[in-house]
Amino acid sequence: MESATEPTPDRQAALTSAIAGERRELADLFDTLRAEDWQAPSLCTGWSVREVVAHMSMGFRLSLPATLGELLKARGSLHRMTDRVARRDAAAHSTAELSAFLRDHAHHPWTPPVGGLPAALGHDVVHGLDVTTALGLGRRVPEDRLRILLDEIRPRGLRFFGVDLAGTRLCAEDTGWSYGAGPTPVYGAAQDLLLLAFGRRLPPGRLRGEAAGRFTGR
């Protein structure tokens, strides 16, 4: 999602530290996954865990010319390009290599085309949750990282991810954070509500409230 303001030096340092910590922690967690976990479906529609993890390091490994070349092959479709590269790289690299790409590039300065450092943190956190939530793992994203991302939620970003919050209000049961002005609350853990804001369908039972079914997978 887009960042509201240009980060101050202190905020930039906090963001780069959060990004590095998230990448290292996820790399360590991915090293513990079983072979069948890597083949399991993630919350990222159409991708296995292995493909999600391959995608997470694409920005570190592909130069700008290589990225533009892949985009040209995909006839200008970013979605087709990222899907093709994720599937190719997932097949080309071992699971140990895929984890190591994150650890070895913990301080890589890559950011998405829009959103700067908060978007880079969001990329790591949300794709990490695509894996851990789908696998039913108990990892909790540190609250300071979640708050950075929750505070970045804007209507434009929700539209980009196809999220319709009309009539609802998101309420985090573990942090007191809320978003939206609708009369119908949707309750859940902060990290589950973050996934919702990034267009993910949550596994059954992770959200509460009259409108929870709108954001829950089947």
N, C-alpha and C. Protein backbone atom coordinates (compact mmCIF):
# COMPACT_ATOMS: atom_id res chain seq x y z
N MET A 1 0.83 -1.19 0.00
CA MET A 1 0.00 0.00 0.00
C MET A 1 0.87 1.24 0.00
N GLU A 2 0.29 2.35 -0.45
CA GLU A 2 1.09 3.55 -0.56
C GLU A 2 1.40 4.11 0.82
N SER A 3 2.59 4.71 0.94
CA SER A 3 2.99 5.32 2.20
C SER A 3 2.40 6.71 2.29
N ALA A 4 1.97 7.08 3.50
CA ALA A 4 1.33 8.37 3.67
C ALA A 4 2.32 9.51 3.58
N THR A 5 3.53 9.35 4.09
CA THR A 5 4.53 10.40 4.10
C THR A 5 5.90 9.82 3.82
N GLU A 6 6.83 10.69 3.42
CA GLU A 6 8.22 10.28 3.24
C GLU A 6 8.83 9.98 4.61
N PRO A 7 9.47 8.82 4.80
CA PRO A 7 9.99 8.49 6.13
C PRO A 7 11.09 9.46 6.57
N THR A 8 11.05 9.84 7.85
CA THR A 8 12.15 10.59 8.45
C THR A 8 13.34 9.63 8.60
N PRO A 9 14.55 10.16 8.87
CA PRO A 9 15.70 9.26 9.06
C PRO A 9 15.46 8.20 10.15
N ASP A 10 14.85 8.61 11.25
CA ASP A 10 14.59 7.65 12.33
C ASP A 10 13.58 6.58 11.89
N ARG A 11 12.54 7.02 11.20
CA ARG A 11 11.54 6.05 10.73
C ARG A 11 12.14 5.14 9.66
N GLN A 12 12.98 5.68 8.81
CA GLN A 12 13.63 4.86 7.79
C GLN A 12 14.49 3.79 8.44
N ALA A 13 15.22 4.17 9.49
CA ALA A 13 16.05 3.19 10.20
C ALA A 13 15.18 2.11 10.85
N ALA A 14 14.05 2.52 11.42
CA ALA A 14 13.15 1.55 12.04
C ALA A 14 12.56 0.60 11.00
N LEU A 15 12.23 1.13 9.82
CA LEU A 15 11.67 0.31 8.76
C LEU A 15 12.69 -0.69 8.23
N THR A 16 13.91 -0.23 7.98
CA THR A 16 14.93 -1.16 7.46
C THR A 16 15.26 -2.24 8.48
N SER A 17 15.24 -1.88 9.78
CA SER A 17 15.47 -2.88 10.82
C SER A 17 14.33 -3.89 10.87
N ALA A 18 13.09 -3.40 10.73
CA ALA A 18 11.93 -4.31 10.75
C ALA A 18 11.96 -5.25 9.56
N ILE A 19 12.32 -4.72 8.39
CA ILE A 19 12.39 -5.56 7.19
C ILE A 19 13.45 -6.64 7.35
N ALA A 20 14.64 -6.26 7.82
CA ALA A 20 15.71 -7.23 8.00
C ALA A 20 15.31 -8.30 9.01
N GLY A 21 14.69 -7.88 10.11
CA GLY A 21 14.26 -8.85 11.11
C GLY A 21 13.23 -9.81 10.57
N GLU A 22 12.28 -9.30 9.81
CA GLU A 22 11.23 -10.16 9.25
C GLU A 22 11.83 -11.18 8.28
N ARG A 23 12.75 -10.75 7.43
CA ARG A 23 13.34 -11.67 6.47
C ARG A 23 14.15 -12.77 7.16
N ARG A 24 14.92 -12.40 8.15
CA ARG A 24 15.72 -13.41 8.86
C ARG A 24 14.83 -14.40 9.60
N GLU A 25 13.82 -13.89 10.29
CA GLU A 25 12.94 -14.77 11.05
C GLU A 25 12.17 -15.72 10.14
N LEU A 26 11.72 -15.21 9.01
CA LEU A 26 11.00 -16.08 8.08
C LEU A 26 11.94 -17.11 7.47
N ALA A 27 13.16 -16.71 7.14
CA ALA A 27 14.12 -17.67 6.59
C ALA A 27 14.35 -18.81 7.58
N ASP A 28 14.51 -18.47 8.85
CA ASP A 28 14.70 -19.51 9.87
C ASP A 28 13.48 -20.42 9.96
N LEU A 29 12.30 -19.83 9.88
CA LEU A 29 11.08 -20.64 9.95
C LEU A 29 10.96 -21.53 8.72
N PHE A 30 11.22 -20.98 7.54
CA PHE A 30 11.10 -21.78 6.32
C PHE A 30 12.06 -22.97 6.34
N ASP A 31 13.21 -22.81 6.99
CA ASP A 31 14.16 -23.92 7.09
C ASP A 31 13.60 -25.10 7.87
N THR A 32 12.56 -24.88 8.67
CA THR A 32 11.99 -25.95 9.49
C THR A 32 10.82 -26.66 8.81
N LEU A 33 10.39 -26.16 7.65
CA LEU A 33 9.22 -26.75 7.00
C LEU A 33 9.52 -28.15 6.48
N ARG A 34 8.52 -28.99 6.50
CA ARG A 34 8.64 -30.34 5.95
C ARG A 34 8.44 -30.30 4.43
N ALA A 35 8.84 -31.36 3.78
CA ALA A 35 8.73 -31.40 2.31
C ALA A 35 7.29 -31.19 1.86
N GLU A 36 6.34 -31.79 2.59
CA GLU A 36 4.94 -31.65 2.19
C GLU A 36 4.42 -30.23 2.42
N ASP A 37 5.01 -29.53 3.40
CA ASP A 37 4.59 -28.14 3.63
C ASP A 37 4.91 -27.26 2.42
N TRP A 38 6.06 -27.50 1.81
CA TRP A 38 6.47 -26.67 0.67
C TRP A 38 5.53 -26.83 -0.51
N GLN A 39 4.85 -27.97 -0.61
CA GLN A 39 3.94 -28.21 -1.73
C GLN A 39 2.50 -27.82 -1.41
N ALA A 40 2.23 -27.48 -0.17
CA ALA A 40 0.86 -27.15 0.25
C ALA A 40 0.41 -25.82 -0.34
N PRO A 41 -0.89 -25.65 -0.53
CA PRO A 41 -1.38 -24.35 -1.04
C PRO A 41 -1.20 -23.26 0.01
N SER A 42 -0.88 -22.07 -0.46
CA SER A 42 -0.77 -20.90 0.41
C SER A 42 -2.06 -20.11 0.35
N LEU A 43 -2.11 -18.98 1.05
CA LEU A 43 -3.26 -18.09 0.94
C LEU A 43 -3.21 -17.26 -0.34
N CYS A 44 -2.07 -17.27 -1.02
CA CYS A 44 -1.91 -16.52 -2.25
C CYS A 44 -2.50 -17.38 -3.38
N THR A 45 -3.62 -16.99 -3.90
CA THR A 45 -4.40 -17.83 -4.80
C THR A 45 -3.56 -18.39 -5.95
N GLY A 46 -3.57 -19.73 -6.08
CA GLY A 46 -2.88 -20.39 -7.17
C GLY A 46 -1.44 -20.74 -6.91
N TRP A 47 -0.88 -20.28 -5.79
CA TRP A 47 0.53 -20.55 -5.49
C TRP A 47 0.68 -21.49 -4.31
N SER A 48 1.62 -22.39 -4.45
CA SER A 48 2.02 -23.22 -3.32
C SER A 48 2.93 -22.41 -2.40
N VAL A 49 3.21 -22.96 -1.24
CA VAL A 49 4.17 -22.32 -0.32
C VAL A 49 5.50 -22.09 -1.03
N ARG A 50 5.94 -23.07 -1.77
CA ARG A 50 7.24 -22.96 -2.45
C ARG A 50 7.24 -21.78 -3.43
N GLU A 51 6.16 -21.59 -4.14
CA GLU A 51 6.09 -20.50 -5.11
C GLU A 51 6.02 -19.13 -4.43
N VAL A 52 5.34 -19.06 -3.29
CA VAL A 52 5.32 -17.81 -2.54
C VAL A 52 6.72 -17.44 -2.08
N VAL A 53 7.43 -18.40 -1.51
CA VAL A 53 8.78 -18.11 -1.00
C VAL A 53 9.71 -17.74 -2.15
N ALA A 54 9.57 -18.38 -3.29
CA ALA A 54 10.38 -18.00 -4.45
C ALA A 54 10.08 -16.57 -4.87
N HIS A 55 8.82 -16.21 -4.87
CA HIS A 55 8.43 -14.86 -5.26
C HIS A 55 8.98 -13.80 -4.30
N MET A 56 9.07 -14.13 -3.04
CA MET A 56 9.49 -13.15 -2.04
C MET A 56 10.86 -12.56 -2.31
N SER A 57 11.73 -13.31 -2.95
CA SER A 57 13.10 -12.83 -3.20
C SER A 57 13.32 -12.39 -4.65
N MET A 58 12.26 -12.36 -5.44
CA MET A 58 12.43 -12.01 -6.85
C MET A 58 13.07 -10.63 -7.01
N GLY A 59 12.65 -9.67 -6.21
CA GLY A 59 13.18 -8.32 -6.34
C GLY A 59 14.65 -8.21 -6.01
N PHE A 60 15.17 -9.15 -5.22
CA PHE A 60 16.60 -9.13 -4.87
C PHE A 60 17.44 -9.73 -5.99
N ARG A 61 16.88 -10.71 -6.68
CA ARG A 61 17.68 -11.52 -7.59
C ARG A 61 17.63 -11.05 -9.04
N LEU A 62 16.55 -10.35 -9.41
CA LEU A 62 16.42 -9.89 -10.80
C LEU A 62 16.84 -8.43 -10.91
N SER A 63 17.75 -8.17 -11.81
CA SER A 63 18.13 -6.79 -12.08
C SER A 63 16.96 -6.07 -12.76
N LEU A 64 17.03 -4.75 -12.83
CA LEU A 64 15.98 -4.01 -13.52
C LEU A 64 15.85 -4.42 -14.98
N PRO A 65 16.96 -4.55 -15.74
CA PRO A 65 16.81 -5.01 -17.13
C PRO A 65 16.17 -6.40 -17.23
N ALA A 66 16.56 -7.30 -16.32
CA ALA A 66 15.97 -8.64 -16.34
C ALA A 66 14.48 -8.59 -16.03
N THR A 67 14.11 -7.75 -15.08
CA THR A 67 12.70 -7.61 -14.73
C THR A 67 11.90 -7.06 -15.91
N LEU A 68 12.45 -6.05 -16.57
CA LEU A 68 11.77 -5.47 -17.74
C LEU A 68 11.66 -6.50 -18.86
N GLY A 69 12.70 -7.34 -19.00
CA GLY A 69 12.65 -8.39 -20.01
C GLY A 69 11.55 -9.39 -19.71
N GLU A 70 11.41 -9.76 -18.44
CA GLU A 70 10.34 -10.69 -18.06
C GLU A 70 8.97 -10.06 -18.26
N LEU A 71 8.88 -8.76 -18.00
CA LEU A 71 7.61 -8.07 -18.19
C LEU A 71 7.24 -8.02 -19.68
N LEU A 72 8.26 -7.85 -20.52
CA LEU A 72 8.02 -7.86 -21.96
C LEU A 72 7.52 -9.22 -22.42
N LYS A 73 8.14 -10.28 -21.90
CA LYS A 73 7.68 -11.63 -22.24
C LYS A 73 6.23 -11.86 -21.84
N ALA A 74 5.83 -11.19 -20.75
CA ALA A 74 4.46 -11.34 -20.24
C ALA A 74 3.50 -10.35 -20.88
N ARG A 75 3.96 -9.69 -21.96
CA ARG A 75 3.14 -8.73 -22.71
C ARG A 75 2.62 -7.61 -21.81
N GLY A 76 3.48 -7.17 -20.89
CA GLY A 76 3.16 -6.03 -20.05
C GLY A 76 2.32 -6.33 -18.83
N SER A 77 1.95 -7.58 -18.61
CA SER A 77 1.12 -7.94 -17.46
C SER A 77 2.01 -8.27 -16.26
N LEU A 78 1.94 -7.43 -15.23
CA LEU A 78 2.72 -7.69 -14.02
C LEU A 78 2.30 -8.99 -13.37
N HIS A 79 1.00 -9.28 -13.39
CA HIS A 79 0.51 -10.51 -12.78
C HIS A 79 1.07 -11.74 -13.50
N ARG A 80 1.02 -11.74 -14.84
CA ARG A 80 1.56 -12.88 -15.59
C ARG A 80 3.06 -13.02 -15.36
N MET A 81 3.74 -11.88 -15.30
CA MET A 81 5.19 -11.91 -15.12
C MET A 81 5.56 -12.51 -13.77
N THR A 82 4.95 -12.02 -12.68
CA THR A 82 5.30 -12.52 -11.36
C THR A 82 4.91 -13.99 -11.20
N ASP A 83 3.79 -14.39 -11.80
CA ASP A 83 3.37 -15.78 -11.72
C ASP A 83 4.37 -16.69 -12.44
N ARG A 84 4.75 -16.29 -13.64
CA ARG A 84 5.70 -17.10 -14.43
C ARG A 84 7.04 -17.22 -13.71
N VAL A 85 7.55 -16.11 -13.20
CA VAL A 85 8.86 -16.13 -12.55
C VAL A 85 8.82 -16.94 -11.25
N ALA A 86 7.74 -16.80 -10.49
CA ALA A 86 7.63 -17.56 -9.24
C ALA A 86 7.63 -19.06 -9.51
N ARG A 87 6.87 -19.49 -10.51
CA ARG A 87 6.81 -20.91 -10.81
C ARG A 87 8.16 -21.42 -11.35
N ARG A 88 8.79 -20.62 -12.18
CA ARG A 88 10.10 -21.01 -12.73
C ARG A 88 11.14 -21.12 -11.62
N ASP A 89 11.20 -20.11 -10.75
CA ASP A 89 12.23 -20.09 -9.72
C ASP A 89 11.97 -21.11 -8.63
N ALA A 90 10.70 -21.39 -8.35
CA ALA A 90 10.37 -22.42 -7.38
C ALA A 90 10.87 -23.78 -7.83
N ALA A 91 10.81 -24.01 -9.14
CA ALA A 91 11.28 -25.28 -9.69
C ALA A 91 12.80 -25.33 -9.80
N ALA A 92 13.42 -24.16 -9.97
CA ALA A 92 14.86 -24.12 -10.25
C ALA A 92 15.74 -24.17 -9.01
N HIS A 93 15.19 -23.80 -7.84
CA HIS A 93 16.01 -23.69 -6.64
C HIS A 93 15.53 -24.65 -5.56
N SER A 94 16.46 -25.11 -4.76
CA SER A 94 16.12 -25.97 -3.63
C SER A 94 15.42 -25.14 -2.55
N THR A 95 14.74 -25.83 -1.64
CA THR A 95 14.08 -25.10 -0.55
C THR A 95 15.11 -24.39 0.33
N ALA A 96 16.27 -24.99 0.53
CA ALA A 96 17.31 -24.34 1.32
C ALA A 96 17.79 -23.06 0.64
N GLU A 97 17.89 -23.07 -0.67
CA GLU A 97 18.29 -21.88 -1.41
C GLU A 97 17.22 -20.79 -1.31
N LEU A 98 15.97 -21.19 -1.40
CA LEU A 98 14.88 -20.21 -1.34
C LEU A 98 14.87 -19.50 0.01
N SER A 99 15.09 -20.26 1.08
CA SER A 99 15.18 -19.63 2.41
C SER A 99 16.39 -18.72 2.50
N ALA A 100 17.51 -19.19 1.99
CA ALA A 100 18.76 -18.43 2.09
C ALA A 100 18.69 -17.11 1.33
N PHE A 101 17.93 -17.06 0.25
CA PHE A 101 17.80 -15.81 -0.49
C PHE A 101 17.28 -14.69 0.43
N LEU A 102 16.32 -15.04 1.29
CA LEU A 102 15.79 -14.04 2.22
C LEU A 102 16.82 -13.66 3.27
N ARG A 103 17.46 -14.65 3.85
CA ARG A 103 18.44 -14.38 4.91
C ARG A 103 19.62 -13.58 4.37
N ASP A 104 20.12 -13.96 3.22
CA ASP A 104 21.31 -13.32 2.67
C ASP A 104 21.03 -11.90 2.17
N HIS A 105 19.76 -11.60 1.92
CA HIS A 105 19.38 -10.28 1.42
C HIS A 105 18.54 -9.52 2.45
N ALA A 106 18.79 -9.77 3.72
CA ALA A 106 17.99 -9.15 4.77
C ALA A 106 18.01 -7.63 4.67
N HIS A 107 19.14 -7.07 4.26
CA HIS A 107 19.27 -5.62 4.17
C HIS A 107 19.23 -5.11 2.73
N HIS A 108 18.74 -5.92 1.81
CA HIS A 108 18.65 -5.46 0.42
C HIS A 108 17.69 -4.28 0.33
N PRO A 109 18.04 -3.22 -0.41
CA PRO A 109 17.21 -2.02 -0.43
C PRO A 109 16.01 -2.07 -1.36
N TRP A 110 15.69 -3.22 -1.94
CA TRP A 110 14.58 -3.31 -2.87
C TRP A 110 13.28 -2.80 -2.24
N THR A 111 12.50 -2.08 -3.03
CA THR A 111 11.13 -1.71 -2.65
C THR A 111 10.23 -1.94 -3.86
N PRO A 112 8.94 -2.18 -3.64
CA PRO A 112 8.01 -2.30 -4.77
C PRO A 112 7.92 -0.99 -5.54
N PRO A 113 7.34 -1.02 -6.75
CA PRO A 113 7.25 0.20 -7.56
C PRO A 113 6.53 1.36 -6.86
N VAL A 114 5.60 1.04 -5.97
CA VAL A 114 4.84 2.06 -5.24
C VAL A 114 4.87 1.72 -3.76
N GLY A 115 5.08 2.73 -2.93
CA GLY A 115 4.91 2.51 -1.49
C GLY A 115 6.17 2.56 -0.67
N GLY A 116 7.35 2.47 -1.30
CA GLY A 116 8.59 2.61 -0.57
C GLY A 116 8.83 1.53 0.48
N LEU A 117 9.52 1.90 1.55
CA LEU A 117 9.90 0.93 2.58
C LEU A 117 8.69 0.29 3.28
N PRO A 118 7.63 1.04 3.61
CA PRO A 118 6.48 0.35 4.21
C PRO A 118 5.92 -0.74 3.30
N ALA A 119 5.91 -0.49 1.99
CA ALA A 119 5.42 -1.51 1.06
C ALA A 119 6.35 -2.71 1.01
N ALA A 120 7.66 -2.47 1.14
CA ALA A 120 8.61 -3.59 1.18
C ALA A 120 8.37 -4.44 2.43
N LEU A 121 8.14 -3.79 3.56
CA LEU A 121 7.82 -4.53 4.78
C LEU A 121 6.52 -5.29 4.61
N GLY A 122 5.51 -4.65 4.01
CA GLY A 122 4.25 -5.32 3.78
C GLY A 122 4.39 -6.54 2.88
N HIS A 123 5.24 -6.42 1.87
CA HIS A 123 5.50 -7.55 0.97
C HIS A 123 6.02 -8.75 1.75
N ASP A 124 6.97 -8.52 2.64
CA ASP A 124 7.55 -9.62 3.42
C ASP A 124 6.55 -10.17 4.44
N VAL A 125 5.91 -9.28 5.19
CA VAL A 125 5.00 -9.72 6.25
C VAL A 125 3.81 -10.48 5.67
N VAL A 126 3.17 -9.91 4.65
CA VAL A 126 1.95 -10.53 4.13
C VAL A 126 2.25 -11.86 3.43
N HIS A 127 3.33 -11.92 2.66
CA HIS A 127 3.65 -13.21 2.03
C HIS A 127 4.10 -14.23 3.08
N GLY A 128 4.75 -13.77 4.14
CA GLY A 128 5.06 -14.68 5.23
C GLY A 128 3.79 -15.25 5.85
N LEU A 129 2.79 -14.39 6.03
CA LEU A 129 1.51 -14.85 6.57
C LEU A 129 0.75 -15.72 5.58
N ASP A 130 0.95 -15.49 4.29
CA ASP A 130 0.36 -16.38 3.28
C ASP A 130 0.79 -17.83 3.54
N VAL A 131 2.02 -17.97 4.01
CA VAL A 131 2.56 -19.30 4.30
C VAL A 131 2.13 -19.79 5.67
N THR A 132 2.44 -19.02 6.71
CA THR A 132 2.23 -19.51 8.07
C THR A 132 0.75 -19.70 8.41
N THR A 133 -0.10 -18.81 7.90
CA THR A 133 -1.53 -18.94 8.18
C THR A 133 -2.11 -20.15 7.44
N ALA A 134 -1.71 -20.32 6.19
CA ALA A 134 -2.21 -21.46 5.43
C ALA A 134 -1.80 -22.79 6.05
N LEU A 135 -0.59 -22.83 6.61
CA LEU A 135 -0.08 -24.07 7.21
C LEU A 135 -0.53 -24.25 8.65
N GLY A 136 -1.23 -23.26 9.20
CA GLY A 136 -1.69 -23.36 10.58
C GLY A 136 -0.58 -23.23 11.60
N LEU A 137 0.49 -22.54 11.22
CA LEU A 137 1.59 -22.33 12.15
C LEU A 137 1.26 -21.17 13.10
N GLY A 138 1.86 -21.18 14.26
CA GLY A 138 1.49 -20.21 15.29
C GLY A 138 2.33 -18.96 15.33
N ARG A 139 3.05 -18.66 14.25
CA ARG A 139 3.92 -17.48 14.30
C ARG A 139 3.11 -16.20 14.44
N ARG A 140 3.57 -15.35 15.36
CA ARG A 140 2.98 -14.04 15.55
C ARG A 140 3.93 -12.98 15.03
N VAL A 141 3.48 -12.17 14.12
CA VAL A 141 4.29 -11.06 13.63
C VAL A 141 4.43 -10.04 14.76
N PRO A 142 5.64 -9.55 15.04
CA PRO A 142 5.79 -8.56 16.10
C PRO A 142 4.85 -7.37 15.92
N GLU A 143 4.29 -6.91 17.03
CA GLU A 143 3.26 -5.87 16.97
C GLU A 143 3.76 -4.59 16.34
N ASP A 144 5.03 -4.23 16.57
CA ASP A 144 5.51 -2.97 15.98
C ASP A 144 5.51 -3.02 14.47
N ARG A 145 5.78 -4.18 13.89
CA ARG A 145 5.73 -4.32 12.43
C ARG A 145 4.29 -4.26 11.93
N LEU A 146 3.39 -4.91 12.65
CA LEU A 146 1.99 -4.88 12.26
C LEU A 146 1.44 -3.46 12.30
N ARG A 147 1.79 -2.71 13.33
CA ARG A 147 1.25 -1.35 13.47
C ARG A 147 1.72 -0.45 12.33
N ILE A 148 2.96 -0.62 11.90
CA ILE A 148 3.45 0.15 10.75
C ILE A 148 2.54 -0.09 9.56
N LEU A 149 2.22 -1.34 9.31
CA LEU A 149 1.44 -1.69 8.12
C LEU A 149 -0.04 -1.34 8.27
N LEU A 150 -0.59 -1.56 9.45
CA LEU A 150 -2.00 -1.22 9.67
C LEU A 150 -2.22 0.29 9.53
N ASP A 151 -1.25 1.07 9.98
CA ASP A 151 -1.37 2.52 9.87
C ASP A 151 -1.23 3.01 8.43
N GLU A 152 -0.75 2.15 7.53
CA GLU A 152 -0.60 2.52 6.12
C GLU A 152 -1.85 2.20 5.29
N ILE A 153 -2.84 1.55 5.88
CA ILE A 153 -4.03 1.15 5.12
C ILE A 153 -4.79 2.39 4.68
N ARG A 154 -5.08 2.44 3.37
CA ARG A 154 -5.77 3.56 2.76
C ARG A 154 -6.83 3.02 1.78
N PRO A 155 -7.87 3.79 1.48
CA PRO A 155 -8.89 3.33 0.51
C PRO A 155 -8.29 2.92 -0.83
N ARG A 156 -7.28 3.65 -1.30
CA ARG A 156 -6.69 3.33 -2.60
C ARG A 156 -6.08 1.92 -2.58
N GLY A 157 -5.38 1.60 -1.51
CA GLY A 157 -4.78 0.27 -1.40
C GLY A 157 -5.83 -0.82 -1.32
N LEU A 158 -6.91 -0.57 -0.58
CA LEU A 158 -7.98 -1.55 -0.50
C LEU A 158 -8.59 -1.80 -1.87
N ARG A 159 -8.78 -0.74 -2.64
CA ARG A 159 -9.32 -0.92 -3.99
C ARG A 159 -8.37 -1.73 -4.86
N PHE A 160 -7.06 -1.47 -4.72
CA PHE A 160 -6.08 -2.20 -5.51
C PHE A 160 -6.17 -3.71 -5.26
N PHE A 161 -6.40 -4.08 -3.99
CA PHE A 161 -6.47 -5.50 -3.64
C PHE A 161 -7.89 -6.05 -3.72
N GLY A 162 -8.83 -5.25 -4.21
CA GLY A 162 -10.19 -5.73 -4.39
C GLY A 162 -10.96 -5.96 -3.11
N VAL A 163 -10.66 -5.15 -2.07
CA VAL A 163 -11.29 -5.33 -0.77
C VAL A 163 -12.43 -4.32 -0.61
N ASP A 164 -13.62 -4.81 -0.35
CA ASP A 164 -14.79 -3.97 -0.16
C ASP A 164 -15.20 -4.01 1.31
N LEU A 165 -14.93 -2.92 2.02
CA LEU A 165 -15.27 -2.85 3.44
C LEU A 165 -16.59 -2.12 3.68
N ALA A 166 -17.38 -1.93 2.65
CA ALA A 166 -18.64 -1.19 2.79
C ALA A 166 -19.48 -1.76 3.93
N GLY A 167 -19.85 -0.88 4.86
CA GLY A 167 -20.72 -1.27 5.96
C GLY A 167 -20.02 -1.95 7.11
N THR A 168 -18.70 -2.13 7.01
CA THR A 168 -17.99 -2.87 8.05
C THR A 168 -16.92 -2.00 8.72
N ARG A 169 -16.46 -2.48 9.85
CA ARG A 169 -15.37 -1.86 10.60
C ARG A 169 -14.46 -2.97 11.10
N LEU A 170 -13.17 -2.87 10.80
CA LEU A 170 -12.22 -3.88 11.24
C LEU A 170 -11.77 -3.57 12.66
N CYS A 171 -11.81 -4.56 13.53
CA CYS A 171 -11.48 -4.36 14.94
C CYS A 171 -10.51 -5.45 15.39
N ALA A 172 -9.29 -5.06 15.72
CA ALA A 172 -8.28 -6.03 16.17
C ALA A 172 -8.48 -6.32 17.65
N GLU A 173 -8.68 -7.58 17.97
CA GLU A 173 -8.94 -7.98 19.34
C GLU A 173 -7.68 -8.00 20.20
N ASP A 174 -6.52 -8.02 19.57
CA ASP A 174 -5.28 -8.13 20.33
C ASP A 174 -4.50 -6.83 20.45
N THR A 175 -4.87 -5.79 19.70
CA THR A 175 -4.11 -4.55 19.76
C THR A 175 -4.97 -3.31 20.00
N GLY A 176 -6.27 -3.41 19.83
CA GLY A 176 -7.13 -2.25 19.97
C GLY A 176 -7.22 -1.41 18.71
N TRP A 177 -6.53 -1.81 17.64
CA TRP A 177 -6.58 -1.08 16.38
C TRP A 177 -7.93 -1.29 15.70
N SER A 178 -8.39 -0.27 14.99
CA SER A 178 -9.61 -0.42 14.21
C SER A 178 -9.51 0.43 12.95
N TYR A 179 -10.32 0.09 11.98
CA TYR A 179 -10.34 0.84 10.71
C TYR A 179 -11.72 0.74 10.12
N GLY A 180 -12.20 1.87 9.59
CA GLY A 180 -13.50 1.90 8.94
C GLY A 180 -14.57 2.49 9.85
N ALA A 181 -15.66 2.89 9.25
CA ALA A 181 -16.73 3.55 10.00
C ALA A 181 -18.07 2.84 9.85
N GLY A 182 -18.05 1.64 9.31
CA GLY A 182 -19.30 0.93 9.11
C GLY A 182 -19.91 0.47 10.42
N PRO A 183 -21.20 0.18 10.43
CA PRO A 183 -21.87 -0.23 11.67
C PRO A 183 -21.64 -1.69 12.06
N THR A 184 -21.08 -2.48 11.14
CA THR A 184 -20.91 -3.91 11.41
C THR A 184 -19.45 -4.25 11.64
N PRO A 185 -19.07 -4.58 12.88
CA PRO A 185 -17.66 -4.89 13.16
C PRO A 185 -17.28 -6.29 12.69
N VAL A 186 -16.04 -6.39 12.22
CA VAL A 186 -15.42 -7.68 11.94
C VAL A 186 -14.23 -7.79 12.87
N TYR A 187 -14.25 -8.80 13.73
CA TYR A 187 -13.22 -8.96 14.75
C TYR A 187 -12.22 -10.03 14.35
N GLY A 188 -10.98 -9.82 14.74
CA GLY A 188 -9.94 -10.81 14.50
C GLY A 188 -8.63 -10.32 15.04
N ALA A 189 -7.60 -11.17 14.96
CA ALA A 189 -6.26 -10.76 15.33
C ALA A 189 -5.76 -9.73 14.33
N ALA A 190 -4.89 -8.84 14.78
CA ALA A 190 -4.39 -7.77 13.91
C ALA A 190 -3.78 -8.33 12.63
N GLN A 191 -3.01 -9.41 12.74
CA GLN A 191 -2.36 -9.92 11.54
C GLN A 191 -3.36 -10.56 10.59
N ASP A 192 -4.45 -11.09 11.10
CA ASP A 192 -5.49 -11.62 10.22
C ASP A 192 -6.22 -10.49 9.50
N LEU A 193 -6.45 -9.38 10.21
CA LEU A 193 -7.10 -8.24 9.58
C LEU A 193 -6.19 -7.60 8.54
N LEU A 194 -4.88 -7.65 8.77
CA LEU A 194 -3.94 -7.17 7.76
C LEU A 194 -4.07 -8.00 6.49
N LEU A 195 -4.13 -9.31 6.64
CA LEU A 195 -4.32 -10.18 5.48
C LEU A 195 -5.61 -9.84 4.74
N LEU A 196 -6.66 -9.60 5.49
CA LEU A 196 -7.94 -9.21 4.89
C LEU A 196 -7.76 -7.95 4.05
N ALA A 197 -7.03 -6.96 4.60
CA ALA A 197 -6.83 -5.69 3.89
C ALA A 197 -5.99 -5.86 2.64
N PHE A 198 -5.21 -6.93 2.56
CA PHE A 198 -4.42 -7.22 1.37
C PHE A 198 -5.13 -8.22 0.46
N GLY A 199 -6.42 -8.38 0.65
CA GLY A 199 -7.22 -9.15 -0.29
C GLY A 199 -7.22 -10.64 -0.09
N ARG A 200 -6.72 -11.11 1.06
CA ARG A 200 -6.70 -12.55 1.30
C ARG A 200 -8.02 -13.02 1.91
N ARG A 201 -8.37 -14.25 1.59
CA ARG A 201 -9.49 -14.91 2.24
C ARG A 201 -8.94 -15.70 3.42
N LEU A 202 -9.48 -15.47 4.59
CA LEU A 202 -8.99 -16.11 5.80
C LEU A 202 -9.59 -17.51 5.97
N PRO A 203 -8.84 -18.43 6.59
CA PRO A 203 -9.42 -19.74 6.89
C PRO A 203 -10.62 -19.58 7.83
N PRO A 204 -11.59 -20.47 7.72
CA PRO A 204 -12.76 -20.40 8.60
C PRO A 204 -12.36 -20.37 10.08
N GLY A 205 -13.10 -19.58 10.85
CA GLY A 205 -12.89 -19.52 12.29
C GLY A 205 -11.92 -18.45 12.76
N ARG A 206 -11.25 -17.76 11.85
CA ARG A 206 -10.26 -16.76 12.27
C ARG A 206 -10.85 -15.37 12.43
N LEU A 207 -12.06 -15.14 11.90
CA LEU A 207 -12.73 -13.86 12.04
C LEU A 207 -14.07 -14.07 12.72
N ARG A 208 -14.52 -13.01 13.41
CA ARG A 208 -15.82 -13.06 14.07
C ARG A 208 -16.65 -11.86 13.64
N GLY A 209 -17.95 -12.00 13.76
CA GLY A 209 -18.85 -10.91 13.44
C GLY A 209 -19.80 -11.28 12.34
N GLU A 210 -20.87 -10.52 12.25
CA GLU A 210 -21.94 -10.82 11.29
C GLU A 210 -21.44 -10.84 9.85
N ALA A 211 -20.44 -10.01 9.53
CA ALA A 211 -19.95 -9.92 8.16
C ALA A 211 -18.69 -10.74 7.93
N ALA A 212 -18.27 -11.53 8.90
CA ALA A 212 -17.00 -12.26 8.78
C ALA A 212 -16.97 -13.17 7.55
N GLY A 213 -18.12 -13.73 7.20
CA GLY A 213 -18.16 -14.66 6.08
C GLY A 213 -17.79 -14.02 4.75
N ARG A 214 -17.91 -12.70 4.65
CA ARG A 214 -17.52 -12.01 3.41
C ARG A 214 -16.02 -12.11 3.14
N PHE A 215 -15.25 -12.35 4.19
CA PHE A 215 -13.79 -12.32 4.07
C PHE A 215 -13.15 -13.66 4.41
N THR A 216 -13.95 -14.70 4.41
CA THR A 216 -13.48 -16.03 4.81
C THR A 216 -13.54 -16.97 3.61
N GLY A 217 -12.49 -17.76 3.45
CA GLY A 217 -12.46 -18.75 2.38
C GLY A 217 -13.34 -19.93 2.72
N ARG A 218 -13.55 -20.74 1.70
CA ARG A 218 -14.38 -21.92 1.89
C ARG A 218 -13.55 -23.18 1.72
